[in-house]
Amino acid sequence: MEPVASPTDDTTLKTLFEYIDVTAHTPTENGDVTGCDHTFRFTEQWADKNGIDVIDLYQFLNAHGGFCDCEVCFNVEGALFDEEFEDEEE
């Protein structure tokens, strides 16, 4: 099976992780923190705002272990960028 290509560049993809993290932890008007509801709702919002084809994005994220917003942050970001983050810590 061929690897699934990213629908965007790494810099833009990193903004997805930041968007999910901030949005999931920002209280709503009534003070609730929504967190992950095990869907791609924040991913979809980000894709719409950035003109990214959501189906291509889903396929890419699924291929890297992301099956909902929290898994995108935990699994996909880790799989793609852990080596880079480890280099920054040294």
N, C-alpha and C. Protein backbone atom coordinates (compact mmCIF):
# COMPACT_ATOMS: atom_id res chain seq x y z
N MET A 1 0.84 -1.17 0.00
CA MET A 1 0.00 0.00 0.00
C MET A 1 0.89 1.24 0.00
N GLU A 2 0.56 2.20 -0.83
CA GLU A 2 1.32 3.44 -0.93
C GLU A 2 0.96 4.37 0.23
N PRO A 3 1.94 5.16 0.69
CA PRO A 3 1.65 6.12 1.75
C PRO A 3 0.65 7.17 1.26
N VAL A 4 -0.18 7.65 2.19
CA VAL A 4 -1.16 8.68 1.87
C VAL A 4 -0.47 10.04 2.00
N ALA A 5 -0.51 10.82 0.94
CA ALA A 5 0.15 12.13 0.93
C ALA A 5 -0.63 13.14 1.76
N SER A 6 0.11 14.02 2.39
CA SER A 6 -0.51 15.10 3.15
C SER A 6 -1.19 16.07 2.19
N PRO A 7 -2.38 16.53 2.53
CA PRO A 7 -3.06 17.49 1.68
C PRO A 7 -2.52 18.92 1.81
N THR A 8 -1.51 19.10 2.66
CA THR A 8 -0.94 20.42 2.87
C THR A 8 0.51 20.29 3.35
N ASP A 9 1.18 21.40 3.50
CA ASP A 9 2.57 21.38 3.96
C ASP A 9 2.64 21.24 5.49
N ASP A 10 3.81 20.91 6.00
CA ASP A 10 3.99 20.67 7.44
C ASP A 10 3.65 21.90 8.28
N THR A 11 4.03 23.06 7.82
CA THR A 11 3.77 24.28 8.58
C THR A 11 2.27 24.49 8.77
N THR A 12 1.51 24.32 7.70
CA THR A 12 0.06 24.47 7.79
C THR A 12 -0.54 23.36 8.63
N LEU A 13 -0.03 22.14 8.47
CA LEU A 13 -0.54 21.01 9.25
C LEU A 13 -0.34 21.24 10.75
N LYS A 14 0.78 21.85 11.11
CA LYS A 14 1.02 22.13 12.53
C LYS A 14 -0.03 23.09 13.09
N THR A 15 -0.58 23.96 12.24
CA THR A 15 -1.62 24.87 12.72
C THR A 15 -2.90 24.10 13.04
N LEU A 16 -3.11 22.94 12.41
CA LEU A 16 -4.25 22.09 12.75
C LEU A 16 -4.13 21.62 14.20
N PHE A 17 -2.95 21.13 14.57
CA PHE A 17 -2.77 20.63 15.94
C PHE A 17 -3.00 21.75 16.95
N GLU A 18 -2.48 22.92 16.65
CA GLU A 18 -2.66 24.07 17.54
C GLU A 18 -4.14 24.46 17.61
N TYR A 19 -4.82 24.47 16.47
CA TYR A 19 -6.24 24.83 16.43
C TYR A 19 -7.06 23.88 17.29
N ILE A 20 -6.83 22.58 17.13
CA ILE A 20 -7.58 21.60 17.93
C ILE A 20 -7.30 21.81 19.41
N ASP A 21 -6.04 21.94 19.78
CA ASP A 21 -5.68 22.10 21.19
C ASP A 21 -6.34 23.33 21.80
N VAL A 22 -6.24 24.45 21.13
CA VAL A 22 -6.81 25.69 21.66
C VAL A 22 -8.33 25.62 21.69
N THR A 23 -8.93 25.19 20.61
CA THR A 23 -10.39 25.16 20.52
C THR A 23 -11.00 24.18 21.51
N ALA A 24 -10.39 23.03 21.67
CA ALA A 24 -10.92 22.01 22.58
C ALA A 24 -10.82 22.44 24.05
N HIS A 25 -9.89 23.35 24.35
CA HIS A 25 -9.68 23.75 25.74
C HIS A 25 -10.15 25.17 26.06
N THR A 26 -10.77 25.84 25.10
CA THR A 26 -11.29 27.18 25.33
C THR A 26 -12.73 27.08 25.82
N PRO A 27 -13.02 27.67 26.98
CA PRO A 27 -14.40 27.60 27.50
C PRO A 27 -15.40 28.28 26.56
N THR A 28 -16.59 27.70 26.50
CA THR A 28 -17.69 28.30 25.73
C THR A 28 -18.24 29.49 26.51
N GLU A 29 -19.25 30.15 25.95
CA GLU A 29 -19.86 31.31 26.62
C GLU A 29 -20.38 30.96 28.01
N ASN A 30 -20.85 29.73 28.20
CA ASN A 30 -21.37 29.35 29.50
C ASN A 30 -20.30 28.71 30.40
N GLY A 31 -19.05 28.74 29.96
CA GLY A 31 -17.96 28.27 30.79
C GLY A 31 -17.57 26.82 30.63
N ASP A 32 -18.28 26.08 29.79
CA ASP A 32 -17.94 24.68 29.56
C ASP A 32 -16.72 24.55 28.66
N VAL A 33 -15.88 23.59 28.96
CA VAL A 33 -14.77 23.25 28.08
C VAL A 33 -15.20 22.00 27.32
N THR A 34 -15.30 22.12 26.00
CA THR A 34 -15.92 21.05 25.22
C THR A 34 -15.05 19.83 25.04
N GLY A 35 -13.75 20.00 24.92
CA GLY A 35 -12.88 18.84 24.73
C GLY A 35 -13.23 18.06 23.48
N CYS A 36 -12.72 16.84 23.42
CA CYS A 36 -12.96 15.98 22.26
C CYS A 36 -14.24 15.18 22.45
N ASP A 37 -15.07 15.17 21.44
CA ASP A 37 -16.28 14.34 21.48
C ASP A 37 -16.12 13.11 20.59
N HIS A 38 -14.88 12.80 20.26
CA HIS A 38 -14.50 11.63 19.45
C HIS A 38 -15.04 11.69 18.02
N THR A 39 -15.09 12.93 17.51
CA THR A 39 -15.40 13.18 16.10
C THR A 39 -14.28 14.06 15.56
N PHE A 40 -14.43 14.50 14.33
CA PHE A 40 -13.48 15.41 13.70
C PHE A 40 -14.05 16.83 13.63
N ARG A 41 -14.88 17.23 14.59
CA ARG A 41 -15.54 18.54 14.45
C ARG A 41 -14.55 19.70 14.36
N PHE A 42 -13.50 19.71 15.18
CA PHE A 42 -12.52 20.79 15.12
C PHE A 42 -11.66 20.67 13.87
N THR A 43 -11.33 19.46 13.48
CA THR A 43 -10.57 19.22 12.25
C THR A 43 -11.36 19.74 11.05
N GLU A 44 -12.66 19.45 11.02
CA GLU A 44 -13.52 19.93 9.92
C GLU A 44 -13.57 21.45 9.88
N GLN A 45 -13.71 22.08 11.05
CA GLN A 45 -13.75 23.55 11.10
C GLN A 45 -12.45 24.13 10.54
N TRP A 46 -11.33 23.56 10.97
CA TRP A 46 -10.02 24.03 10.52
C TRP A 46 -9.88 23.85 9.01
N ALA A 47 -10.28 22.68 8.50
CA ALA A 47 -10.16 22.41 7.07
C ALA A 47 -10.99 23.41 6.27
N ASP A 48 -12.21 23.67 6.72
CA ASP A 48 -13.06 24.64 6.04
C ASP A 48 -12.43 26.03 6.02
N LYS A 49 -11.88 26.45 7.15
CA LYS A 49 -11.26 27.78 7.25
C LYS A 49 -9.99 27.91 6.40
N ASN A 50 -9.33 26.78 6.15
CA ASN A 50 -8.05 26.80 5.44
C ASN A 50 -8.12 26.28 4.01
N GLY A 51 -9.34 25.99 3.54
CA GLY A 51 -9.50 25.53 2.17
C GLY A 51 -8.87 24.18 1.89
N ILE A 52 -8.85 23.31 2.89
CA ILE A 52 -8.28 21.97 2.75
C ILE A 52 -9.41 20.98 2.49
N ASP A 53 -9.23 20.12 1.50
CA ASP A 53 -10.23 19.10 1.20
C ASP A 53 -10.33 18.14 2.39
N VAL A 54 -11.49 18.07 3.00
CA VAL A 54 -11.65 17.31 4.24
C VAL A 54 -11.49 15.80 4.02
N ILE A 55 -11.89 15.29 2.88
CA ILE A 55 -11.75 13.85 2.61
C ILE A 55 -10.26 13.49 2.49
N ASP A 56 -9.51 14.29 1.76
CA ASP A 56 -8.06 14.07 1.66
C ASP A 56 -7.41 14.14 3.04
N LEU A 57 -7.86 15.11 3.84
CA LEU A 57 -7.32 15.27 5.18
C LEU A 57 -7.66 14.06 6.05
N TYR A 58 -8.91 13.60 6.02
CA TYR A 58 -9.31 12.41 6.79
C TYR A 58 -8.43 11.21 6.42
N GLN A 59 -8.24 11.00 5.13
CA GLN A 59 -7.44 9.85 4.69
C GLN A 59 -6.02 9.94 5.22
N PHE A 60 -5.44 11.11 5.16
CA PHE A 60 -4.09 11.31 5.67
C PHE A 60 -4.03 11.09 7.18
N LEU A 61 -4.96 11.67 7.90
CA LEU A 61 -4.97 11.54 9.36
C LEU A 61 -5.22 10.10 9.78
N ASN A 62 -6.17 9.44 9.14
CA ASN A 62 -6.46 8.03 9.45
C ASN A 62 -5.22 7.16 9.22
N ALA A 63 -4.49 7.42 8.15
CA ALA A 63 -3.30 6.64 7.83
C ALA A 63 -2.20 6.81 8.89
N HIS A 64 -2.32 7.87 9.69
CA HIS A 64 -1.32 8.14 10.73
C HIS A 64 -1.90 7.99 12.14
N GLY A 65 -3.04 7.30 12.26
CA GLY A 65 -3.60 6.98 13.57
C GLY A 65 -4.57 8.00 14.13
N GLY A 66 -5.03 8.94 13.33
CA GLY A 66 -5.97 9.95 13.80
C GLY A 66 -7.39 9.64 13.37
N PHE A 67 -8.22 9.24 14.33
CA PHE A 67 -9.60 8.88 14.02
C PHE A 67 -10.61 9.78 14.72
N CYS A 68 -10.12 10.80 15.42
CA CYS A 68 -10.94 11.86 16.02
C CYS A 68 -9.98 12.99 16.37
N ASP A 69 -10.51 14.11 16.84
CA ASP A 69 -9.66 15.27 17.12
C ASP A 69 -8.54 14.98 18.12
N CYS A 70 -8.87 14.31 19.23
CA CYS A 70 -7.80 14.08 20.22
C CYS A 70 -6.73 13.14 19.68
N GLU A 71 -7.13 12.15 18.88
CA GLU A 71 -6.13 11.25 18.29
C GLU A 71 -5.28 11.96 17.24
N VAL A 72 -5.84 12.97 16.60
CA VAL A 72 -5.04 13.77 15.67
C VAL A 72 -3.88 14.42 16.44
N CYS A 73 -4.20 14.97 17.61
CA CYS A 73 -3.15 15.61 18.41
C CYS A 73 -2.19 14.60 19.02
N PHE A 74 -2.71 13.53 19.59
CA PHE A 74 -1.85 12.57 20.28
C PHE A 74 -1.09 11.67 19.32
N ASN A 75 -1.78 11.11 18.35
CA ASN A 75 -1.16 10.11 17.47
C ASN A 75 -0.47 10.72 16.25
N VAL A 76 -1.19 11.55 15.53
CA VAL A 76 -0.66 12.07 14.27
C VAL A 76 0.48 13.05 14.52
N GLU A 77 0.25 14.01 15.39
CA GLU A 77 1.31 14.98 15.67
C GLU A 77 2.55 14.26 16.19
N GLY A 78 2.36 13.31 17.08
CA GLY A 78 3.49 12.56 17.62
C GLY A 78 4.22 11.76 16.55
N ALA A 79 3.46 11.09 15.71
CA ALA A 79 4.06 10.25 14.67
C ALA A 79 4.83 11.08 13.65
N LEU A 80 4.33 12.23 13.33
CA LEU A 80 4.96 13.05 12.28
C LEU A 80 6.07 13.95 12.79
N PHE A 81 5.96 14.42 14.03
CA PHE A 81 6.85 15.48 14.46
C PHE A 81 7.64 15.19 15.73
N ASP A 82 7.51 14.02 16.34
CA ASP A 82 8.26 13.71 17.57
C ASP A 82 9.76 13.85 17.38
N GLU A 83 10.27 13.34 16.27
CA GLU A 83 11.70 13.43 16.03
C GLU A 83 12.14 14.89 15.98
N GLU A 84 11.35 15.72 15.34
CA GLU A 84 11.67 17.15 15.26
C GLU A 84 11.66 17.77 16.65
N PHE A 85 10.64 17.44 17.47
CA PHE A 85 10.54 18.00 18.81
C PHE A 85 11.69 17.53 19.68
N GLU A 86 12.11 16.27 19.53
CA GLU A 86 13.24 15.75 20.29
C GLU A 86 14.50 16.52 19.96
N ASP A 87 14.69 16.88 18.68
CA ASP A 87 15.85 17.66 18.27
C ASP A 87 15.86 19.04 18.93
N GLU A 88 14.66 19.64 19.08
CA GLU A 88 14.57 20.98 19.67
C GLU A 88 14.92 20.94 21.15
N GLU A 89 14.66 19.83 21.84
CA GLU A 89 14.89 19.73 23.27
C GLU A 89 16.38 19.59 23.59
N GLU A 90 17.17 19.10 22.66
CA GLU A 90 18.59 18.87 22.91
C GLU A 90 19.38 20.14 22.97
